[in-house]
Every structure is written in structure tokens, then in C-alpha cells.
């Protein structure tokens, strides 16, 4: 096996590890959001934006049942938390 091929294999392994780590992080955030949404449901706050207190749109809840913010508040949250 040539040296170049071995380095290529190592780079591939490193890339796959980075991808796996990214996937784990996304899944963990999704799990945390689902837990948070479940807690809000238990408190009777399903469908109410946790930031502004307005109703979350039906289309948003149909697409993302674990949403706890309206579209505008979610966009603002994402722009400050990136």
C-alpha cells in the first residue's frame, strides 16, 4: 500500500468520525427539544410561543409538533444563538 493511499484512508476515517459526531449532536438537540416541548404540553402551554406568548401557527405545528416558538421568535432565537 502506498503512503498516499494510507493518508487518504486516514482522512476518510476522520471525515466519517466528524460526520458521526455532527449527527449525534443534532439528534441530541432534537431529543432535548422534544423533551422541552413535552414539558410545555404538560404545563398546558402547547401551541403557545414561549417567547412572545402568541399562538403558534397551525401549519408550523403540523410540520413541527415539537415547536415551542412561533416562526418570528424562532428566527430571532436562531440568529442570536448561532
N, C-alpha and C. Protein backbone atom coordinates (compact mmCIF):
# COMPACT_ATOMS: atom_id res chain seq x y z
N UNK A 1 0.86 -1.17 0.00
CA UNK A 1 0.00 0.00 0.00
C UNK A 1 0.90 1.22 0.00
N UNK A 2 0.59 2.19 -0.85
CA UNK A 2 1.39 3.40 -0.92
C UNK A 2 1.06 4.33 0.23
N UNK A 3 2.04 5.20 0.52
CA UNK A 3 1.85 6.16 1.62
C UNK A 3 0.65 7.07 1.35
N UNK A 4 0.49 7.52 0.13
CA UNK A 4 -0.62 8.41 -0.22
C UNK A 4 -1.97 7.75 0.02
N UNK A 5 -2.09 6.48 -0.30
CA UNK A 5 -3.35 5.78 -0.09
C UNK A 5 -3.68 5.67 1.39
N UNK A 6 -2.68 5.40 2.22
CA UNK A 6 -2.88 5.31 3.66
C UNK A 6 -3.36 6.63 4.24
N UNK A 7 -2.78 7.73 3.79
CA UNK A 7 -3.21 9.05 4.26
C UNK A 7 -4.63 9.35 3.82
N UNK A 8 -4.97 8.88 2.63
CA UNK A 8 -6.33 9.07 2.12
C UNK A 8 -7.33 8.31 2.99
N UNK A 9 -6.96 7.09 3.36
CA UNK A 9 -7.83 6.29 4.24
C UNK A 9 -8.01 6.99 5.57
N UNK A 10 -6.93 7.53 6.13
CA UNK A 10 -6.99 8.22 7.41
C UNK A 10 -7.91 9.44 7.30
N UNK A 11 -7.78 10.18 6.23
CA UNK A 11 -8.64 11.35 6.02
C UNK A 11 -10.11 10.94 5.93
N UNK A 12 -10.37 9.83 5.27
CA UNK A 12 -11.74 9.33 5.14
C UNK A 12 -12.30 8.95 6.51
N UNK A 13 -11.50 8.28 7.33
CA UNK A 13 -11.93 7.90 8.67
C UNK A 13 -12.22 9.14 9.50
N UNK A 14 -11.34 10.12 9.44
CA UNK A 14 -11.53 11.36 10.19
C UNK A 14 -12.80 12.08 9.75
N UNK A 15 -13.05 12.10 8.45
CA UNK A 15 -14.25 12.73 7.92
C UNK A 15 -15.51 12.02 8.40
N UNK A 16 -15.49 10.69 8.38
CA UNK A 16 -16.64 9.91 8.84
C UNK A 16 -16.88 10.12 10.33
N UNK A 17 -15.82 10.23 11.12
CA UNK A 17 -15.96 10.49 12.55
C UNK A 17 -16.59 11.87 12.78
N UNK A 18 -16.14 12.85 12.03
CA UNK A 18 -16.69 14.20 12.17
C UNK A 18 -18.17 14.20 11.80
N UNK A 19 -18.53 13.50 10.74
CA UNK A 19 -19.94 13.41 10.34
C UNK A 19 -20.76 12.72 11.41
N UNK A 20 -20.24 11.64 11.96
CA UNK A 20 -20.96 10.91 13.01
C UNK A 20 -21.17 11.79 14.24
N UNK A 21 -20.16 12.55 14.60
CA UNK A 21 -20.27 13.45 15.75
C UNK A 21 -21.33 14.52 15.49
N UNK A 22 -21.34 15.08 14.30
CA UNK A 22 -22.34 16.08 13.94
C UNK A 22 -23.75 15.51 14.02
N UNK A 23 -23.91 14.31 13.52
CA UNK A 23 -25.22 13.66 13.57
C UNK A 23 -25.65 13.42 15.01
N UNK A 24 -24.73 12.96 15.85
CA UNK A 24 -25.06 12.76 17.27
C UNK A 24 -25.49 14.06 17.93
N UNK A 25 -24.81 15.16 17.62
CA UNK A 25 -25.15 16.45 18.21
C UNK A 25 -26.55 16.91 17.77
N UNK A 26 -26.87 16.74 16.50
CA UNK A 26 -28.19 17.11 16.00
C UNK A 26 -29.27 16.26 16.67
N UNK A 27 -29.04 14.97 16.77
CA UNK A 27 -30.01 14.09 17.41
C UNK A 27 -30.20 14.44 18.88
N UNK A 28 -29.14 14.80 19.56
CA UNK A 28 -29.24 15.19 20.97
C UNK A 28 -30.05 16.48 21.12
N UNK A 29 -29.80 17.47 20.24
CA UNK A 29 -30.59 18.70 20.30
C UNK A 29 -32.06 18.42 20.01
N UNK A 30 -32.33 17.54 19.05
CA UNK A 30 -33.72 17.18 18.75
C UNK A 30 -34.39 16.51 19.95
N UNK A 31 -33.66 15.63 20.63
CA UNK A 31 -34.20 14.96 21.81
C UNK A 31 -34.49 15.97 22.92
N UNK A 32 -33.57 16.90 23.12
CA UNK A 32 -33.77 17.93 24.15
C UNK A 32 -34.99 18.79 23.82
N UNK A 33 -35.16 19.14 22.54
CA UNK A 33 -36.31 19.95 22.13
C UNK A 33 -37.60 19.18 22.33
N UNK A 34 -37.60 17.90 22.02
CA UNK A 34 -38.80 17.08 22.22
C UNK A 34 -39.15 17.00 23.70
N UNK A 35 -38.14 16.84 24.55
CA UNK A 35 -38.39 16.83 26.00
C UNK A 35 -38.95 18.16 26.48
N UNK A 36 -38.39 19.24 25.97
CA UNK A 36 -38.85 20.59 26.35
C UNK A 36 -40.31 20.78 25.91
N UNK A 37 -40.61 20.37 24.68
CA UNK A 37 -41.99 20.51 24.18
C UNK A 37 -42.95 19.66 25.01
N UNK A 38 -42.53 18.47 25.40
CA UNK A 38 -43.37 17.59 26.22
C UNK A 38 -43.65 18.25 27.59
N UNK A 39 -42.64 18.88 28.16
CA UNK A 39 -42.82 19.60 29.43
C UNK A 39 -43.82 20.75 29.27
N UNK A 40 -43.71 21.48 28.17
CA UNK A 40 -44.64 22.60 27.93
C UNK A 40 -46.07 22.09 27.75
N UNK A 41 -46.22 20.95 27.06
CA UNK A 41 -47.55 20.36 26.90
C UNK A 41 -48.14 20.01 28.27
N UNK A 42 -47.31 19.43 29.12
CA UNK A 42 -47.77 19.03 30.46
C UNK A 42 -48.20 20.25 31.27
N UNK A 43 -47.63 21.40 30.98
CA UNK A 43 -47.99 22.64 31.68
C UNK A 43 -49.18 23.33 31.02
N UNK A 44 -49.70 22.74 29.95
CA UNK A 44 -50.84 23.32 29.25
C UNK A 44 -50.47 24.44 28.30
N UNK A 45 -49.21 24.48 27.88
CA UNK A 45 -48.74 25.57 27.02
C UNK A 45 -48.53 25.14 25.57
N UNK A 46 -49.12 24.01 25.16
CA UNK A 46 -48.95 23.55 23.79
C UNK A 46 -49.54 24.57 22.82
N UNK A 47 -48.76 24.91 21.80
CA UNK A 47 -49.23 25.82 20.76
C UNK A 47 -49.07 27.30 21.09
N UNK A 48 -48.46 27.59 22.23
CA UNK A 48 -48.24 28.98 22.64
C UNK A 48 -46.74 29.25 22.59
N UNK A 49 -46.34 30.32 21.91
CA UNK A 49 -44.92 30.66 21.78
C UNK A 49 -44.34 30.98 23.15
N UNK A 50 -43.22 30.34 23.46
CA UNK A 50 -42.60 30.55 24.77
C UNK A 50 -41.94 31.91 24.90
N UNK A 51 -41.76 32.63 23.79
CA UNK A 51 -41.13 33.95 23.86
C UNK A 51 -42.14 35.08 23.87
N UNK A 52 -43.06 35.08 22.90
CA UNK A 52 -44.00 36.21 22.79
C UNK A 52 -45.38 35.92 23.36
N UNK A 53 -45.71 34.65 23.59
CA UNK A 53 -46.99 34.28 24.16
C UNK A 53 -48.14 34.19 23.17
N UNK A 54 -47.85 34.43 21.88
CA UNK A 54 -48.91 34.30 20.87
C UNK A 54 -49.05 32.84 20.44
N UNK A 55 -50.16 32.55 19.78
CA UNK A 55 -50.39 31.20 19.27
C UNK A 55 -49.40 30.88 18.16
N UNK A 56 -48.89 29.66 18.16
CA UNK A 56 -48.03 29.18 17.08
C UNK A 56 -48.96 28.72 15.96
N UNK A 57 -48.62 29.08 14.73
CA UNK A 57 -49.46 28.76 13.58
C UNK A 57 -49.71 27.27 13.43
N UNK A 58 -50.93 26.94 12.98
CA UNK A 58 -51.31 25.54 12.78
C UNK A 58 -50.39 24.82 11.80
N UNK A 59 -49.98 25.53 10.72
CA UNK A 59 -49.10 24.90 9.73
C UNK A 59 -47.76 24.54 10.36
N UNK A 60 -47.24 25.44 11.20
CA UNK A 60 -45.96 25.18 11.87
C UNK A 60 -46.09 23.98 12.80
N UNK A 61 -47.15 23.92 13.57
CA UNK A 61 -47.33 22.80 14.49
C UNK A 61 -47.57 21.48 13.76
N UNK A 62 -48.22 21.56 12.60
CA UNK A 62 -48.42 20.34 11.81
C UNK A 62 -47.07 19.82 11.29
N UNK A 63 -46.20 20.74 10.88
CA UNK A 63 -44.89 20.35 10.35
C UNK A 63 -43.90 20.01 11.47
N UNK A 64 -43.98 20.76 12.57
CA UNK A 64 -43.05 20.58 13.69
C UNK A 64 -43.83 20.53 15.00
N UNK A 65 -44.39 19.38 15.33
CA UNK A 65 -45.22 19.28 16.54
C UNK A 65 -44.48 19.63 17.83
N UNK A 66 -43.15 19.60 17.81
CA UNK A 66 -42.36 19.95 19.00
C UNK A 66 -41.97 21.42 19.04
N UNK A 67 -42.51 22.23 18.12
CA UNK A 67 -42.18 23.65 18.10
C UNK A 67 -42.71 24.32 19.37
N UNK A 68 -41.87 25.16 19.97
CA UNK A 68 -42.27 25.90 21.16
C UNK A 68 -42.18 27.40 20.94
N UNK A 69 -41.82 27.79 19.71
CA UNK A 69 -41.76 29.21 19.35
C UNK A 69 -42.47 29.41 18.02
N UNK A 70 -43.05 30.60 17.84
CA UNK A 70 -43.63 30.95 16.55
C UNK A 70 -42.48 31.18 15.56
N UNK A 71 -42.80 31.30 14.29
CA UNK A 71 -41.78 31.43 13.26
C UNK A 71 -40.89 32.65 13.52
N UNK A 72 -41.49 33.79 13.83
CA UNK A 72 -40.71 35.01 14.04
C UNK A 72 -39.77 34.88 15.23
N UNK A 73 -40.27 34.36 16.33
CA UNK A 73 -39.42 34.21 17.52
C UNK A 73 -38.35 33.15 17.31
N UNK A 74 -38.66 32.09 16.58
CA UNK A 74 -37.65 31.07 16.30
C UNK A 74 -36.54 31.65 15.43
N UNK A 75 -36.91 32.45 14.43
CA UNK A 75 -35.89 33.08 13.58
C UNK A 75 -35.00 34.01 14.39
N UNK A 76 -35.59 34.78 15.29
CA UNK A 76 -34.79 35.68 16.14
C UNK A 76 -33.89 34.88 17.06
N UNK A 77 -34.41 33.80 17.63
CA UNK A 77 -33.62 32.95 18.52
C UNK A 77 -32.43 32.35 17.78
N UNK A 78 -32.68 31.85 16.56
CA UNK A 78 -31.62 31.24 15.77
C UNK A 78 -30.55 32.25 15.39
N UNK A 79 -30.94 33.48 15.08
CA UNK A 79 -29.94 34.48 14.67
C UNK A 79 -29.06 34.89 15.85
N UNK A 80 -29.55 34.81 17.07
CA UNK A 80 -28.71 35.17 18.21
C UNK A 80 -27.98 33.97 18.82
N UNK A 81 -28.37 32.76 18.46
CA UNK A 81 -27.76 31.57 19.05
C UNK A 81 -26.95 30.76 18.06
N UNK A 82 -26.49 31.36 17.01
CA UNK A 82 -25.65 30.64 16.04
C UNK A 82 -24.21 30.90 16.32
